Each structure stands twice: as C-alpha cells, then as structure tokens.
PDB file of all heavy atoms in Angstrom:
ATOM      1  N   ASN A   1      32.313  11.692 -13.219  1.00  0.00           N
ATOM      2  CA  ASN A   1      32.604  10.457 -12.709  1.00  0.00           C
ATOM      3  C   ASN A   1      31.555   9.402 -13.155  1.00  0.00           C
ATOM      4  O   ASN A   1      30.353   9.640 -13.066  1.00  0.00           O
ATOM      5  CB  ASN A   1      32.665  10.396 -11.167  1.00  0.00           C
ATOM      6  CG  ASN A   1      33.856  11.283 -10.688  1.00  0.00           C
ATOM      7  OD1 ASN A   1      34.956  11.133 -11.263  1.00  0.00           O
ATOM      8  ND2 ASN A   1      33.611  11.995  -9.672  1.00  0.00           N
ATOM      9  N   LYS A   2      32.091   8.232 -13.694  1.00  0.00           N
ATOM     10  CA  LYS A   2      31.139   7.286 -14.222  1.00  0.00           C
ATOM     11  C   LYS A   2      30.442   6.422 -13.242  1.00  0.00           C
ATOM     12  O   LYS A   2      31.076   5.932 -12.301  1.00  0.00           O
ATOM     13  CB  LYS A   2      31.943   6.272 -15.195  1.00  0.00           C
ATOM     14  CG  LYS A   2      31.114   5.317 -15.925  1.00  0.00           C
ATOM     15  CD  LYS A   2      31.920   4.450 -16.905  1.00  0.00           C
ATOM     16  CE  LYS A   2      31.062   3.416 -17.553  1.00  0.00           C
ATOM     17  NZ  LYS A   2      31.940   2.519 -18.412  1.00  0.00           N
ATOM     18  N   ILE A   3      29.158   6.252 -13.369  1.00  0.00           N
ATOM     19  CA  ILE A   3      28.275   5.443 -12.479  1.00  0.00           C
ATOM     20  C   ILE A   3      28.281   4.020 -13.056  1.00  0.00           C
ATOM     21  O   ILE A   3      28.143   3.746 -14.248  1.00  0.00           O
ATOM     22  CB  ILE A   3      26.875   5.923 -12.465  1.00  0.00           C
ATOM     23  CG1 ILE A   3      26.786   7.400 -11.809  1.00  0.00           C
ATOM     24  CG2 ILE A   3      25.948   5.019 -11.686  1.00  0.00           C
ATOM     25  CD1 ILE A   3      25.496   8.033 -11.942  1.00  0.00           C
ATOM     26  N   SER A   4      28.567   3.073 -12.196  1.00  0.00           N
ATOM     27  CA  SER A   4      28.492   1.638 -12.659  1.00  0.00           C
ATOM     28  C   SER A   4      27.212   0.950 -12.234  1.00  0.00           C
ATOM     29  O   SER A   4      26.697   0.061 -12.888  1.00  0.00           O
ATOM     30  CB  SER A   4      29.639   0.802 -12.074  1.00  0.00           C
ATOM     31  OG  SER A   4      29.692   0.833 -10.718  1.00  0.00           O
ATOM     32  N   ARG A   5      26.557   1.443 -11.188  1.00  0.00           N
ATOM     33  CA  ARG A   5      25.372   0.787 -10.727  1.00  0.00           C
ATOM     34  C   ARG A   5      24.475   1.698  -9.803  1.00  0.00           C
ATOM     35  O   ARG A   5      25.013   2.451  -9.134  1.00  0.00           O
ATOM     36  CB  ARG A   5      25.671  -0.417  -9.946  1.00  0.00           C
ATOM     37  CG  ARG A   5      24.555  -1.336  -9.659  1.00  0.00           C
ATOM     38  CD  ARG A   5      24.995  -2.773  -9.120  1.00  0.00           C
ATOM     39  NE  ARG A   5      26.075  -2.672  -8.107  1.00  0.00           N
ATOM     40  CZ  ARG A   5      26.111  -3.490  -7.211  1.00  0.00           C
ATOM     41  NH1 ARG A   5      25.243  -4.534  -7.056  1.00  0.00           N
ATOM     42  NH2 ARG A   5      27.129  -3.387  -6.254  1.00  0.00           N
ATOM     43  N   LEU A   6      23.267   1.579 -10.052  1.00  0.00           N
ATOM     44  CA  LEU A   6      22.285   2.263  -9.066  1.00  0.00           C
ATOM     45  C   LEU A   6      21.665   1.157  -8.141  1.00  0.00           C
ATOM     46  O   LEU A   6      21.256   0.168  -8.707  1.00  0.00           O
ATOM     47  CB  LEU A   6      21.179   2.965  -9.764  1.00  0.00           C
ATOM     48  CG  LEU A   6      21.586   4.079 -10.811  1.00  0.00           C
ATOM     49  CD1 LEU A   6      20.265   4.765 -11.398  1.00  0.00           C
ATOM     50  CD2 LEU A   6      22.425   5.179 -10.082  1.00  0.00           C
ATOM     51  N   LEU A   7      21.546   1.410  -6.900  1.00  0.00           N
ATOM     52  CA  LEU A   7      20.954   0.542  -5.930  1.00  0.00           C
ATOM     53  C   LEU A   7      19.736   1.221  -5.335  1.00  0.00           C
ATOM     54  O   LEU A   7      19.855   2.055  -4.480  1.00  0.00           O
ATOM     55  CB  LEU A   7      21.924   0.153  -4.853  1.00  0.00           C
ATOM     56  CG  LEU A   7      23.217  -0.596  -5.432  1.00  0.00           C
ATOM     57  CD1 LEU A   7      24.411  -0.137  -4.675  1.00  0.00           C
ATOM     58  CD2 LEU A   7      22.923  -2.130  -5.316  1.00  0.00           C
ATOM     59  N   ILE A   8      18.588   0.821  -5.841  1.00  0.00           N
ATOM     60  CA  ILE A   8      17.306   1.389  -5.295  1.00  0.00           C
ATOM     61  C   ILE A   8      16.784   0.547  -4.120  1.00  0.00           C
ATOM     62  O   ILE A   8      16.627  -0.680  -4.284  1.00  0.00           O
ATOM     63  CB  ILE A   8      16.304   1.344  -6.441  1.00  0.00           C
ATOM     64  CG1 ILE A   8      16.679   2.361  -7.554  1.00  0.00           C
ATOM     65  CG2 ILE A   8      14.881   1.835  -5.916  1.00  0.00           C
ATOM     66  CD1 ILE A   8      15.778   2.439  -8.736  1.00  0.00           C
ATOM     67  N   THR A   9      16.490   1.145  -3.066  1.00  0.00           N
ATOM     68  CA  THR A   9      16.055   0.455  -1.888  1.00  0.00           C
ATOM     69  C   THR A   9      14.557   0.329  -1.775  1.00  0.00           C
ATOM     70  O   THR A   9      13.794   1.161  -2.250  1.00  0.00           O
ATOM     71  CB  THR A   9      16.632   1.062  -0.630  1.00  0.00           C
ATOM     72  OG1 THR A   9      16.118   2.425  -0.565  1.00  0.00           O
ATOM     73  CG2 THR A   9      18.049   1.055  -0.470  1.00  0.00           C
ATOM     74  N   ALA A  10      14.145  -0.809  -1.195  1.00  0.00           N
ATOM     75  CA  ALA A  10      12.696  -1.063  -0.955  1.00  0.00           C
ATOM     76  C   ALA A  10      12.502  -1.464   0.475  1.00  0.00           C
ATOM     77  O   ALA A  10      13.440  -2.209   1.000  1.00  0.00           O
ATOM     78  CB  ALA A  10      12.185  -2.236  -1.856  1.00  0.00           C
ATOM     79  N   SER A  11      11.444  -1.057   1.077  1.00  0.00           N
ATOM     80  CA  SER A  11      11.213  -1.514   2.481  1.00  0.00           C
ATOM     81  C   SER A  11      10.731  -2.977   2.535  1.00  0.00           C
ATOM     82  O   SER A  11      10.909  -3.621   3.522  1.00  0.00           O
ATOM     83  CB  SER A  11      10.094  -0.661   3.088  1.00  0.00           C
ATOM     84  OG  SER A  11       8.904  -0.946   2.464  1.00  0.00           O
ATOM     85  N   GLY A  12      10.258  -3.515   1.437  1.00  0.00           N
ATOM     86  CA  GLY A  12       9.657  -4.794   1.418  1.00  0.00           C
ATOM     87  C   GLY A  12       8.048  -4.707   1.578  1.00  0.00           C
ATOM     88  O   GLY A  12       7.412  -5.722   1.522  1.00  0.00           O
ATOM     89  N   GLY A  13       7.576  -3.542   2.062  1.00  0.00           N
ATOM     90  CA  GLY A  13       6.149  -3.414   2.314  1.00  0.00           C
ATOM     91  C   GLY A  13       5.590  -4.197   3.447  1.00  0.00           C
ATOM     92  O   GLY A  13       6.357  -4.777   4.236  1.00  0.00           O
ATOM     93  N   PRO A  14       4.265  -4.212   3.615  1.00  0.00           N
ATOM     94  CA  PRO A  14       3.705  -4.881   4.756  1.00  0.00           C
ATOM     95  C   PRO A  14       3.773  -6.444   4.722  1.00  0.00           C
ATOM     96  O   PRO A  14       3.537  -7.047   5.739  1.00  0.00           O
ATOM     97  CB  PRO A  14       2.242  -4.395   4.609  1.00  0.00           C
ATOM     98  CG  PRO A  14       1.955  -4.147   3.144  1.00  0.00           C
ATOM     99  CD  PRO A  14       3.257  -3.631   2.677  1.00  0.00           C
ATOM    100  N   PHE A  15       4.074  -7.006   3.588  1.00  0.00           N
ATOM    101  CA  PHE A  15       4.064  -8.385   3.477  1.00  0.00           C
ATOM    102  C   PHE A  15       5.451  -9.069   3.280  1.00  0.00           C
ATOM    103  O   PHE A  15       5.604 -10.246   2.825  1.00  0.00           O
ATOM    104  CB  PHE A  15       3.153  -8.905   2.258  1.00  0.00           C
ATOM    105  CG  PHE A  15       1.777  -8.350   2.399  1.00  0.00           C
ATOM    106  CD1 PHE A  15       1.104  -7.915   1.253  1.00  0.00           C
ATOM    107  CD2 PHE A  15       1.012  -8.469   3.545  1.00  0.00           C
ATOM    108  CE1 PHE A  15      -0.247  -7.359   1.328  1.00  0.00           C
ATOM    109  CE2 PHE A  15      -0.228  -7.970   3.700  1.00  0.00           C
ATOM    110  CZ  PHE A  15      -0.882  -7.476   2.533  1.00  0.00           C
ATOM    111  N   ARG A  16       6.494  -8.266   3.593  1.00  0.00           N
ATOM    112  CA  ARG A  16       7.806  -8.788   3.495  1.00  0.00           C
ATOM    113  C   ARG A  16       8.060 -10.112   4.262  1.00  0.00           C
ATOM    114  O   ARG A  16       7.615 -10.234   5.437  1.00  0.00           O
ATOM    115  CB  ARG A  16       8.821  -7.786   4.022  1.00  0.00           C
ATOM    116  CG  ARG A  16      10.285  -8.215   3.839  1.00  0.00           C
ATOM    117  CD  ARG A  16      11.215  -7.076   4.225  1.00  0.00           C
ATOM    118  NE  ARG A  16      11.176  -6.890   5.656  1.00  0.00           N
ATOM    119  CZ  ARG A  16      12.035  -7.464   6.500  1.00  0.00           C
ATOM    120  NH1 ARG A  16      12.886  -8.429   6.229  1.00  0.00           N
ATOM    121  NH2 ARG A  16      11.940  -7.248   7.878  1.00  0.00           N
ATOM    122  N   GLY A  17       8.624 -11.085   3.560  1.00  0.00           N
ATOM    123  CA  GLY A  17       8.839 -12.361   4.278  1.00  0.00           C
ATOM    124  C   GLY A  17       7.712 -13.460   4.048  1.00  0.00           C
ATOM    125  O   GLY A  17       7.851 -14.657   4.299  1.00  0.00           O
ATOM    126  N   LYS A  18       6.540 -12.978   3.540  1.00  0.00           N
ATOM    127  CA  LYS A  18       5.495 -13.924   3.280  1.00  0.00           C
ATOM    128  C   LYS A  18       5.686 -14.559   1.965  1.00  0.00           C
ATOM    129  O   LYS A  18       6.282 -14.011   1.009  1.00  0.00           O
ATOM    130  CB  LYS A  18       4.177 -13.134   3.379  1.00  0.00           C
ATOM    131  CG  LYS A  18       3.768 -12.683   4.733  1.00  0.00           C
ATOM    132  CD  LYS A  18       2.382 -12.132   4.791  1.00  0.00           C
ATOM    133  CE  LYS A  18       2.004 -11.621   6.247  1.00  0.00           C
ATOM    134  NZ  LYS A  18       2.026 -12.789   7.161  1.00  0.00           N
ATOM    135  N   LYS A  19       5.115 -15.772   1.785  1.00  0.00           N
ATOM    136  CA  LYS A  19       5.055 -16.523   0.504  1.00  0.00           C
ATOM    137  C   LYS A  19       3.791 -16.386  -0.155  1.00  0.00           C
ATOM    138  O   LYS A  19       2.771 -15.989   0.463  1.00  0.00           O
ATOM    139  CB  LYS A  19       5.471 -17.970   0.751  1.00  0.00           C
ATOM    140  CG  LYS A  19       6.894 -18.182   1.322  1.00  0.00           C
ATOM    141  CD  LYS A  19       7.933 -17.591   0.405  1.00  0.00           C
ATOM    142  CE  LYS A  19       9.332 -17.721   0.941  1.00  0.00           C
ATOM    143  NZ  LYS A  19      10.354 -17.206  -0.011  1.00  0.00           N
ATOM    144  N   LYS A  20       3.713 -16.806  -1.422  1.00  0.00           N
ATOM    145  CA  LYS A  20       2.531 -16.601  -2.292  1.00  0.00           C
ATOM    146  C   LYS A  20       1.178 -17.078  -1.626  1.00  0.00           C
ATOM    147  O   LYS A  20       0.160 -16.533  -1.555  1.00  0.00           O
ATOM    148  CB  LYS A  20       2.712 -17.131  -3.575  1.00  0.00           C
ATOM    149  CG  LYS A  20       1.652 -16.768  -4.629  1.00  0.00           C
ATOM    150  CD  LYS A  20       1.961 -17.192  -6.062  1.00  0.00           C
ATOM    151  CE  LYS A  20       3.086 -16.400  -6.616  1.00  0.00           C
ATOM    152  NZ  LYS A  20       3.273 -16.694  -8.014  1.00  0.00           N
ATOM    153  N   HIS A  21       1.345 -18.336  -0.969  1.00  0.00           N
ATOM    154  CA  HIS A  21       0.120 -18.985  -0.446  1.00  0.00           C
ATOM    155  C   HIS A  21      -0.373 -18.202   0.736  1.00  0.00           C
ATOM    156  O   HIS A  21      -1.559 -18.274   1.148  1.00  0.00           O
ATOM    157  CB  HIS A  21       0.444 -20.439  -0.051  1.00  0.00           C
ATOM    158  CG  HIS A  21       1.409 -20.573   1.128  1.00  0.00           C
ATOM    159  ND1 HIS A  21       2.782 -20.574   1.022  1.00  0.00           N
ATOM    160  CD2 HIS A  21       1.084 -20.716   2.450  1.00  0.00           C
ATOM    161  CE1 HIS A  21       3.306 -20.731   2.135  1.00  0.00           C
ATOM    162  NE2 HIS A  21       2.342 -20.816   3.059  1.00  0.00           N
ATOM    163  N   GLU A  22       0.468 -17.394   1.387  1.00  0.00           N
ATOM    164  CA  GLU A  22      -0.005 -16.619   2.565  1.00  0.00           C
ATOM    165  C   GLU A  22      -0.656 -15.332   2.176  1.00  0.00           C
ATOM    166  O   GLU A  22      -1.238 -14.632   2.973  1.00  0.00           O
ATOM    167  CB  GLU A  22       1.237 -16.266   3.421  1.00  0.00           C
ATOM    168  CG  GLU A  22       1.937 -17.459   3.962  1.00  0.00           C
ATOM    169  CD  GLU A  22       3.169 -17.066   4.852  1.00  0.00           C
ATOM    170  OE1 GLU A  22       3.017 -16.813   6.046  1.00  0.00           O
ATOM    171  OE2 GLU A  22       4.285 -16.973   4.143  1.00  0.00           O
ATOM    172  N   LEU A  23      -0.621 -15.014   0.830  1.00  0.00           N
ATOM    173  CA  LEU A  23      -1.109 -13.749   0.342  1.00  0.00           C
ATOM    174  C   LEU A  23      -2.569 -13.911  -0.341  1.00  0.00           C
ATOM    175  O   LEU A  23      -3.109 -12.986  -0.828  1.00  0.00           O
ATOM    176  CB  LEU A  23      -0.161 -13.111  -0.564  1.00  0.00           C
ATOM    177  CG  LEU A  23       1.185 -12.731  -0.023  1.00  0.00           C
ATOM    178  CD1 LEU A  23       2.133 -12.200  -1.159  1.00  0.00           C
ATOM    179  CD2 LEU A  23       1.095 -11.742   1.051  1.00  0.00           C
ATOM    180  N   THR A  24      -2.959 -15.219  -0.366  1.00  0.00           N
ATOM    181  CA  THR A  24      -4.221 -15.498  -1.085  1.00  0.00           C
ATOM    182  C   THR A  24      -5.360 -14.647  -0.689  1.00  0.00           C
ATOM    183  O   THR A  24      -6.094 -14.140  -1.475  1.00  0.00           O
ATOM    184  CB  THR A  24      -4.561 -17.006  -0.959  1.00  0.00           C
ATOM    185  OG1 THR A  24      -3.459 -17.769  -1.418  1.00  0.00           O
ATOM    186  CG2 THR A  24      -5.761 -17.362  -1.821  1.00  0.00           C
ATOM    187  N   ASP A  25      -5.560 -14.546   0.649  1.00  0.00           N
ATOM    188  CA  ASP A  25      -6.725 -13.832   1.072  1.00  0.00           C
ATOM    189  C   ASP A  25      -6.467 -12.540   1.950  1.00  0.00           C
ATOM    190  O   ASP A  25      -7.275 -12.173   2.876  1.00  0.00           O
ATOM    191  CB  ASP A  25      -7.572 -14.822   2.005  1.00  0.00           C
ATOM    192  CG  ASP A  25      -8.131 -15.937   1.148  1.00  0.00           C
ATOM    193  OD1 ASP A  25      -8.743 -15.682   0.112  1.00  0.00           O
ATOM    194  OD2 ASP A  25      -7.983 -17.157   1.561  1.00  0.00           O
ATOM    195  N   VAL A  26      -5.343 -11.941   1.724  1.00  0.00           N
ATOM    196  CA  VAL A  26      -4.972 -10.692   2.458  1.00  0.00           C
ATOM    197  C   VAL A  26      -6.010  -9.643   2.164  1.00  0.00           C
ATOM    198  O   VAL A  26      -6.555  -9.577   1.028  1.00  0.00           O
ATOM    199  CB  VAL A  26      -3.570 -10.185   2.203  1.00  0.00           C
ATOM    200  CG1 VAL A  26      -2.592 -11.233   2.661  1.00  0.00           C
ATOM    201  CG2 VAL A  26      -3.349  -9.873   0.716  1.00  0.00           C
ATOM    202  N   SER A  27      -6.400  -8.839   3.099  1.00  0.00           N
ATOM    203  CA  SER A  27      -7.363  -7.728   2.900  1.00  0.00           C
ATOM    204  C   SER A  27      -6.779  -6.499   2.533  1.00  0.00           C
ATOM    205  O   SER A  27      -5.511  -6.266   2.552  1.00  0.00           O
ATOM    206  CB  SER A  27      -8.062  -7.543   4.320  1.00  0.00           C
ATOM    207  OG  SER A  27      -7.128  -6.925   5.279  1.00  0.00           O
ATOM    208  N   VAL A  28      -7.631  -5.597   2.016  1.00  0.00           N
ATOM    209  CA  VAL A  28      -7.171  -4.240   1.636  1.00  0.00           C
ATOM    210  C   VAL A  28      -6.587  -3.466   2.819  1.00  0.00           C
ATOM    211  O   VAL A  28      -5.559  -2.969   2.760  1.00  0.00           O
ATOM    212  CB  VAL A  28      -8.399  -3.454   1.130  1.00  0.00           C
ATOM    213  CG1 VAL A  28      -7.996  -2.024   0.991  1.00  0.00           C
ATOM    214  CG2 VAL A  28      -8.865  -4.034  -0.218  1.00  0.00           C
ATOM    215  N   GLU A  29      -7.203  -3.733   4.003  1.00  0.00           N
ATOM    216  CA  GLU A  29      -6.778  -3.040   5.205  1.00  0.00           C
ATOM    217  C   GLU A  29      -5.336  -3.568   5.543  1.00  0.00           C
ATOM    218  O   GLU A  29      -4.505  -2.742   5.954  1.00  0.00           O
ATOM    219  CB  GLU A  29      -7.682  -3.347   6.356  1.00  0.00           C
ATOM    220  CG  GLU A  29      -9.006  -2.679   6.168  1.00  0.00           C
ATOM    221  CD  GLU A  29      -9.964  -3.324   5.169  1.00  0.00           C
ATOM    222  OE1 GLU A  29      -9.706  -4.463   4.823  1.00  0.00           O
ATOM    223  OE2 GLU A  29     -10.896  -2.644   4.734  1.00  0.00           O
ATOM    224  N   ASP A  30      -5.058  -4.811   5.408  1.00  0.00           N
ATOM    225  CA  ASP A  30      -3.697  -5.324   5.699  1.00  0.00           C
ATOM    226  C   ASP A  30      -2.652  -4.808   4.693  1.00  0.00           C
ATOM    227  O   ASP A  30      -1.553  -4.447   5.094  1.00  0.00           O
ATOM    228  CB  ASP A  30      -3.680  -6.877   5.625  1.00  0.00           C
ATOM    229  CG  ASP A  30      -4.472  -7.532   6.787  1.00  0.00           C
ATOM    230  OD1 ASP A  30      -4.526  -6.880   7.887  1.00  0.00           O
ATOM    231  OD2 ASP A  30      -4.842  -8.657   6.571  1.00  0.00           O
TER     232      ASP A  30
END
C-alpha cells in the first residue's frame, strides 16, 4: 500500500508558545 505522507509529532518542548524575544535569556535549567 502506497504511503502519501508521514506525520511526525512534536511535543513543542518546554518553550512551546513562546516567541523569539522571550527566549533571549532562557537558562539551561529551563
């Protein structure tokens, strides 16, 4: 059977929903 598409899921990680300016000073621990 022919596959037309693979859909790989991501959780979004710890910073899901944040914008670039909010990530400027995030810590390693975060």
